[in-house]
Amino acid sequence: MATRDFTVRTENHVANLGELGKLEFVPEVFGDEFLDGYSKVQDAQKALGEETDLTKMDPAVLRGVYGSMREFLASLMTSESADRFLRFEVIKGGKPVAHFRTRAEADEHAAELTGTVRVEDKSMRLPDRVLMELLEWTTELYGGGDRPTTPSSGSSRASRRAGTPGKGSSRSKGSTSTAGRSAR
């Protein structure tokens, strides 16, 4: 009979954003939930095509990419962090009456109310590079990129070098040593 121990994380992952505070991410996610969310990000990125110049990109498509990235990241956060990271407030009579994590939900709720109602985006603002770094970090954490830093005893051995050592001579016939030469 074989026995093997598995580690299941129980403590939240923490992204420290300096003066902006910390965002906490859940310890573990289910593979299908992670893959479903990540595939939405990839689909949005595919809409950009091969274009890398931001000035030539369709602003609506670019907003869609950033929106899908933010929604994906929020789905991996604890409720408290997700509510700070993505927050659309429904304002009626100058006072917040509800908040949601998506603009669509906030707009839907606002449409049901009477009087002067508006939706304000109160989401946490982060530079693009930090958003990208968070995406890469979480992909490593949950997507299997988080590897042990020490070699595993079950690791396979290194492959043999292909081919045979060469016995040919160098094309250079002269020495390349500069010892003893005077400076020019």
C-alpha atoms as a PDB file:
ATOM      1  CA  MET A   1       0.000   0.000   0.000  1.00  0.00           C
ATOM      2  CA  ALA A   2       1.366   3.419  -0.965  1.00  0.00           C
ATOM      3  CA  THR A   3       0.941   6.593   1.086  1.00  0.00           C
ATOM      4  CA  ARG A   4       1.668  10.099  -0.011  1.00  0.00           C
ATOM      5  CA  ASP A   5       1.186  13.396   1.819  1.00  0.00           C
ATOM      6  CA  PHE A   6      -0.217  16.405  -0.016  1.00  0.00           C
ATOM      7  CA  THR A   7      -0.016  20.028   1.017  1.00  0.00           C
ATOM      8  CA  VAL A   8      -3.143  22.144   0.832  1.00  0.00           C
ATOM      9  CA  ARG A   9      -2.598  25.828   1.426  1.00  0.00           C
ATOM     10  CA  THR A  10      -4.741  27.358   4.147  1.00  0.00           C
ATOM     11  CA  GLU A  11      -3.326  30.875   4.423  1.00  0.00           C
ATOM     12  CA  ASN A  12      -4.168  33.695   2.020  1.00  0.00           C
ATOM     13  CA  HIS A  13      -1.582  34.936  -0.480  1.00  0.00           C
ATOM     14  CA  VAL A  14      -0.852  38.641   0.008  1.00  0.00           C
ATOM     15  CA  ALA A  15       0.041  41.220  -2.621  1.00  0.00           C
ATOM     16  CA  ASN A  16       1.582  44.206  -0.857  1.00  0.00           C
ATOM     17  CA  LEU A  17       0.935  47.375  -2.857  1.00  0.00           C
ATOM     18  CA  GLY A  18       2.760  49.798  -0.571  1.00  0.00           C
ATOM     19  CA  GLU A  19       0.687  52.846   0.316  1.00  0.00           C
ATOM     20  CA  LEU A  20      -2.328  51.418  -1.539  1.00  0.00           C
ATOM     21  CA  GLY A  21      -2.517  48.608   0.995  1.00  0.00           C
ATOM     22  CA  LYS A  22      -2.677  44.869   0.564  1.00  0.00           C
ATOM     23  CA  LEU A  23      -4.814  42.596  -1.549  1.00  0.00           C
ATOM     24  CA  GLU A  24      -5.421  39.103  -0.246  1.00  0.00           C
ATOM     25  CA  PHE A  25      -5.926  36.125  -2.532  1.00  0.00           C
ATOM     26  CA  VAL A  26      -7.574  32.873  -1.507  1.00  0.00           C
ATOM     27  CA  PRO A  27      -5.189  30.035  -0.591  1.00  0.00           C
ATOM     28  CA  GLU A  28      -6.407  27.570  -3.243  1.00  0.00           C
ATOM     29  CA  VAL A  29      -8.734  27.571  -6.253  1.00  0.00           C
ATOM     30  CA  PHE A  30     -10.433  24.797  -8.171  1.00  0.00           C
ATOM     31  CA  GLY A  31      -8.802  24.130 -11.526  1.00  0.00           C
ATOM     32  CA  ASP A  32     -11.944  24.548 -13.603  1.00  0.00           C
ATOM     33  CA  GLU A  33     -12.795  27.906 -12.012  1.00  0.00           C
ATOM     34  CA  PHE A  34      -9.264  29.134 -12.613  1.00  0.00           C
ATOM     35  CA  LEU A  35      -9.213  27.894 -16.196  1.00  0.00           C
ATOM     36  CA  ASP A  36     -12.650  29.356 -17.008  1.00  0.00           C
ATOM     37  CA  GLY A  37     -11.609  32.778 -15.726  1.00  0.00           C
ATOM     38  CA  TYR A  38      -8.207  32.685 -17.368  1.00  0.00           C
ATOM     39  CA  SER A  39      -9.673  31.611 -20.708  1.00  0.00           C
ATOM     40  CA  LYS A  40     -11.856  34.751 -20.665  1.00  0.00           C
ATOM     41  CA  VAL A  41      -8.704  36.844 -20.268  1.00  0.00           C
ATOM     42  CA  GLN A  42      -7.035  35.009 -23.162  1.00  0.00           C
ATOM     43  CA  ASP A  43     -10.114  35.430 -25.380  1.00  0.00           C
ATOM     44  CA  ALA A  44     -10.125  39.168 -24.681  1.00  0.00           C
ATOM     45  CA  GLN A  45      -6.397  39.373 -25.458  1.00  0.00           C
ATOM     46  CA  LYS A  46      -6.905  37.531 -28.766  1.00  0.00           C
ATOM     47  CA  ALA A  47      -9.252  40.329 -29.842  1.00  0.00           C
ATOM     48  CA  LEU A  48      -6.210  42.640 -29.856  1.00  0.00           C
ATOM     49  CA  GLY A  49      -4.532  40.518 -32.510  1.00  0.00           C
ATOM     50  CA  GLU A  50      -0.823  41.037 -33.088  1.00  0.00           C
ATOM     51  CA  GLU A  51      -0.937  44.803 -32.541  1.00  0.00           C
ATOM     52  CA  THR A  52       1.476  46.036 -29.844  1.00  0.00           C
ATOM     53  CA  ASP A  53       1.162  49.799 -30.383  1.00  0.00           C
ATOM     54  CA  LEU A  54      -1.446  51.095 -27.924  1.00  0.00           C
ATOM     55  CA  THR A  55      -2.197  54.092 -30.138  1.00  0.00           C
ATOM     56  CA  LYS A  56      -3.392  51.801 -32.925  1.00  0.00           C
ATOM     57  CA  MET A  57      -5.613  49.587 -30.756  1.00  0.00           C
ATOM     58  CA  ASP A  58      -9.384  49.876 -30.580  1.00  0.00           C
ATOM     59  CA  PRO A  59     -10.100  51.548 -27.188  1.00  0.00           C
ATOM     60  CA  ALA A  60     -13.247  49.451 -26.644  1.00  0.00           C
ATOM     61  CA  VAL A  61     -11.302  46.215 -27.185  1.00  0.00           C
ATOM     62  CA  LEU A  62      -8.495  47.412 -24.907  1.00  0.00           C
ATOM     63  CA  ARG A  63     -11.032  48.278 -22.170  1.00  0.00           C
ATOM     64  CA  GLY A  64     -12.436  44.777 -22.561  1.00  0.00           C
ATOM     65  CA  VAL A  65      -9.001  43.240 -22.020  1.00  0.00           C
ATOM     66  CA  TYR A  66      -8.345  45.284 -18.887  1.00  0.00           C
ATOM     67  CA  GLY A  67     -11.858  44.587 -17.619  1.00  0.00           C
ATOM     68  CA  SER A  68     -11.485  40.834 -18.066  1.00  0.00           C
ATOM     69  CA  MET A  69      -8.093  40.903 -16.329  1.00  0.00           C
ATOM     70  CA  ARG A  70      -9.535  42.835 -13.382  1.00  0.00           C
ATOM     71  CA  GLU A  71     -12.567  40.528 -13.110  1.00  0.00           C
ATOM     72  CA  PHE A  72     -10.313  37.469 -13.241  1.00  0.00           C
ATOM     73  CA  LEU A  73      -8.032  38.827 -10.507  1.00  0.00           C
ATOM     74  CA  ALA A  74     -11.011  39.783  -8.330  1.00  0.00           C
ATOM     75  CA  SER A  75     -12.382  36.252  -8.652  1.00  0.00           C
ATOM     76  CA  LEU A  76      -9.199  34.971  -6.986  1.00  0.00           C
ATOM     77  CA  MET A  77      -9.322  37.461  -4.090  1.00  0.00           C
ATOM     78  CA  THR A  78     -10.974  37.272  -0.723  1.00  0.00           C
ATOM     79  CA  SER A  79     -14.344  39.066  -0.620  1.00  0.00           C
ATOM     80  CA  GLU A  80     -12.931  42.043   1.271  1.00  0.00           C
ATOM     81  CA  SER A  81     -10.090  42.579  -1.197  1.00  0.00           C
ATOM     82  CA  ALA A  82     -12.313  42.007  -4.238  1.00  0.00           C
ATOM     83  CA  ASP A  83     -14.755  44.639  -2.947  1.00  0.00           C
ATOM     84  CA  ARG A  84     -11.911  47.183  -2.766  1.00  0.00           C
ATOM     85  CA  PHE A  85     -10.339  46.140  -6.072  1.00  0.00           C
ATOM     86  CA  LEU A  86     -13.560  46.197  -8.147  1.00  0.00           C
ATOM     87  CA  ARG A  87     -16.245  48.511  -6.822  1.00  0.00           C
ATOM     88  CA  PHE A  88     -19.050  50.131  -8.775  1.00  0.00           C
ATOM     89  CA  GLU A  89     -21.267  52.225  -6.509  1.00  0.00           C
ATOM     90  CA  VAL A  90     -24.879  53.067  -7.266  1.00  0.00           C
ATOM     91  CA  ILE A  91     -25.496  56.634  -6.080  1.00  0.00           C
ATOM     92  CA  LYS A  92     -29.007  57.952  -5.462  1.00  0.00           C
ATOM     93  CA  GLY A  93     -29.638  61.395  -4.035  1.00  0.00           C
ATOM     94  CA  GLY A  94     -25.903  61.872  -3.516  1.00  0.00           C
ATOM     95  CA  LYS A  95     -25.572  58.790  -1.282  1.00  0.00           C
ATOM     96  CA  PRO A  96     -24.296  55.300  -2.112  1.00  0.00           C
ATOM     97  CA  VAL A  97     -27.176  52.808  -1.954  1.00  0.00           C
ATOM     98  CA  ALA A  98     -25.433  49.676  -3.254  1.00  0.00           C
ATOM     99  CA  HIS A  99     -22.141  48.448  -4.681  1.00  0.00           C
ATOM    100  CA  PHE A 100     -21.241  45.714  -7.154  1.00  0.00           C
ATOM    101  CA  ARG A 101     -18.124  44.149  -8.658  1.00  0.00           C
ATOM    102  CA  THR A 102     -19.211  44.623 -12.257  1.00  0.00           C
ATOM    103  CA  ARG A 103     -20.435  47.678 -14.104  1.00  0.00           C
ATOM    104  CA  ALA A 104     -23.234  45.636 -15.713  1.00  0.00           C
ATOM    105  CA  GLU A 105     -24.676  44.618 -12.323  1.00  0.00           C
ATOM    106  CA  ALA A 106     -24.466  48.193 -11.036  1.00  0.00           C
ATOM    107  CA  ASP A 107     -26.136  49.570 -14.183  1.00  0.00           C
ATOM    108  CA  GLU A 108     -28.891  46.953 -13.924  1.00  0.00           C
ATOM    109  CA  HIS A 109     -29.584  47.886 -10.302  1.00  0.00           C
ATOM    110  CA  ALA A 110     -29.507  51.605 -11.088  1.00  0.00           C
ATOM    111  CA  ALA A 111     -32.065  51.097 -13.889  1.00  0.00           C
ATOM    112  CA  GLU A 112     -34.505  49.641 -11.360  1.00  0.00           C
ATOM    113  CA  LEU A 113     -34.378  52.773  -9.174  1.00  0.00           C
ATOM    114  CA  THR A 114     -36.355  55.969  -9.701  1.00  0.00           C
ATOM    115  CA  GLY A 115     -35.087  59.526  -9.522  1.00  0.00           C
ATOM    116  CA  THR A 116     -31.582  60.756 -10.135  1.00  0.00           C
ATOM    117  CA  VAL A 117     -29.302  57.721 -10.058  1.00  0.00           C
ATOM    118  CA  ARG A 118     -25.769  57.272 -11.324  1.00  0.00           C
ATOM    119  CA  VAL A 119     -23.032  54.640 -11.178  1.00  0.00           C
ATOM    120  CA  GLU A 120     -19.518  55.597 -10.107  1.00  0.00           C
ATOM    121  CA  ASP A 121     -16.432  53.454 -10.614  1.00  0.00           C
ATOM    122  CA  LYS A 122     -14.675  53.430  -7.231  1.00  0.00           C
ATOM    123  CA  SER A 123     -12.360  50.539  -8.115  1.00  0.00           C
ATOM    124  CA  MET A 124      -8.736  50.502  -6.972  1.00  0.00           C
ATOM    125  CA  ARG A 125      -6.548  52.139  -9.608  1.00  0.00           C
ATOM    126  CA  LEU A 126      -3.278  50.422 -10.428  1.00  0.00           C
ATOM    127  CA  PRO A 127      -0.658  51.105 -13.087  1.00  0.00           C
ATOM    128  CA  ASP A 128      -0.845  48.733 -16.066  1.00  0.00           C
ATOM    129  CA  ARG A 129       2.507  47.160 -15.226  1.00  0.00           C
ATOM    130  CA  VAL A 130       1.309  46.284 -11.695  1.00  0.00           C
ATOM    131  CA  LEU A 131      -1.903  44.813 -13.092  1.00  0.00           C
ATOM    132  CA  MET A 132       0.190  42.659 -15.455  1.00  0.00           C
ATOM    133  CA  GLU A 133       2.511  41.598 -12.633  1.00  0.00           C
ATOM    134  CA  LEU A 134      -0.503  40.573 -10.512  1.00  0.00           C
ATOM    135  CA  LEU A 135      -1.838  38.531 -13.418  1.00  0.00           C
ATOM    136  CA  GLU A 136       1.519  36.766 -13.889  1.00  0.00           C
ATOM    137  CA  TRP A 137       1.901  36.160 -10.138  1.00  0.00           C
ATOM    138  CA  THR A 138      -1.548  34.632  -9.735  1.00  0.00           C
ATOM    139  CA  THR A 139      -1.055  32.496 -12.839  1.00  0.00           C
ATOM    140  CA  GLU A 140       2.100  31.089 -11.228  1.00  0.00           C
ATOM    141  CA  LEU A 141       0.351  30.585  -7.872  1.00  0.00           C
ATOM    142  CA  TYR A 142      -2.748  28.827  -9.119  1.00  0.00           C
ATOM    143  CA  GLY A 143      -1.774  27.583 -12.561  1.00  0.00           C
ATOM    144  CA  GLY A 144       0.996  25.282 -11.413  1.00  0.00           C
ATOM    145  CA  GLY A 145       3.968  27.584 -12.011  1.00  0.00           C
ATOM    146  CA  ASP A 146       4.773  27.658  -8.286  1.00  0.00           C
ATOM    147  CA  ARG A 147       7.554  25.075  -8.162  1.00  0.00           C
ATOM    148  CA  PRO A 148       9.629  23.999  -5.171  1.00  0.00           C
ATOM    149  CA  THR A 149      12.938  25.812  -4.908  1.00  0.00           C
ATOM    150  CA  THR A 150      14.866  22.644  -4.045  1.00  0.00           C
ATOM    151  CA  PRO A 151      15.279  19.604  -6.263  1.00  0.00           C
ATOM    152  CA  SER A 152      12.707  16.911  -5.717  1.00  0.00           C
ATOM    153  CA  SER A 153      13.921  13.409  -4.972  1.00  0.00           C
ATOM    154  CA  GLY A 154      11.549  12.196  -7.654  1.00  0.00           C
ATOM    155  CA  SER A 155      13.000  14.391 -10.383  1.00  0.00           C
ATOM    156  CA  SER A 156      14.251  12.695 -13.505  1.00  0.00           C
ATOM    157  CA  ARG A 157      17.934  12.690 -14.338  1.00  0.00           C
ATOM    158  CA  ALA A 158      19.397  15.129 -16.817  1.00  0.00           C
ATOM    159  CA  SER A 159      19.359  13.995 -20.441  1.00  0.00           C
ATOM    160  CA  ARG A 160      22.568  12.854 -22.112  1.00  0.00           C
ATOM    161  CA  ARG A 161      24.083  15.298 -24.568  1.00  0.00           C
ATOM    162  CA  ALA A 162      23.036  14.507 -28.097  1.00  0.00           C
ATOM    163  CA  GLY A 163      25.679  13.449 -30.615  1.00  0.00           C
ATOM    164  CA  THR A 164      29.325  12.626 -30.005  1.00  0.00           C
ATOM    165  CA  PRO A 165      32.141  14.916 -29.008  1.00  0.00           C
ATOM    166  CA  GLY A 166      33.810  16.448 -32.054  1.00  0.00           C
ATOM    167  CA  LYS A 167      37.451  15.743 -32.911  1.00  0.00           C
ATOM    168  CA  GLY A 168      37.898  18.433 -35.546  1.00  0.00           C
ATOM    169  CA  SER A 169      40.504  21.150 -35.256  1.00  0.00           C
ATOM    170  CA  SER A 170      39.780  24.814 -34.841  1.00  0.00           C
ATOM    171  CA  ARG A 171      39.679  26.959 -37.986  1.00  0.00           C
ATOM    172  CA  SER A 172      41.980  29.424 -36.291  1.00  0.00           C
ATOM    173  CA  LYS A 173      45.665  28.557 -36.754  1.00  0.00           C
ATOM    174  CA  GLY A 174      47.090  31.398 -34.716  1.00  0.00           C
ATOM    175  CA  SER A 175      47.144  32.168 -31.039  1.00  0.00           C
ATOM    176  CA  THR A 176      44.748  34.734 -29.645  1.00  0.00           C
ATOM    177  CA  SER A 177      46.778  35.416 -26.542  1.00  0.00           C
ATOM    178  CA  THR A 178      47.708  39.059 -25.993  1.00  0.00           C
ATOM    179  CA  ALA A 179      50.160  38.505 -23.159  1.00  0.00           C
ATOM    180  CA  GLY A 180      53.387  40.425 -23.681  1.00  0.00           C
ATOM    181  CA  ARG A 181      52.013  42.842 -26.270  1.00  0.00           C
ATOM    182  CA  SER A 182      52.505  46.503 -25.653  1.00  0.00           C
ATOM    183  CA  ALA A 183      49.613  48.908 -25.572  1.00  0.00           C
ATOM    184  CA  ARG A 184      49.116  51.009 -28.710  1.00  0.00           C
END
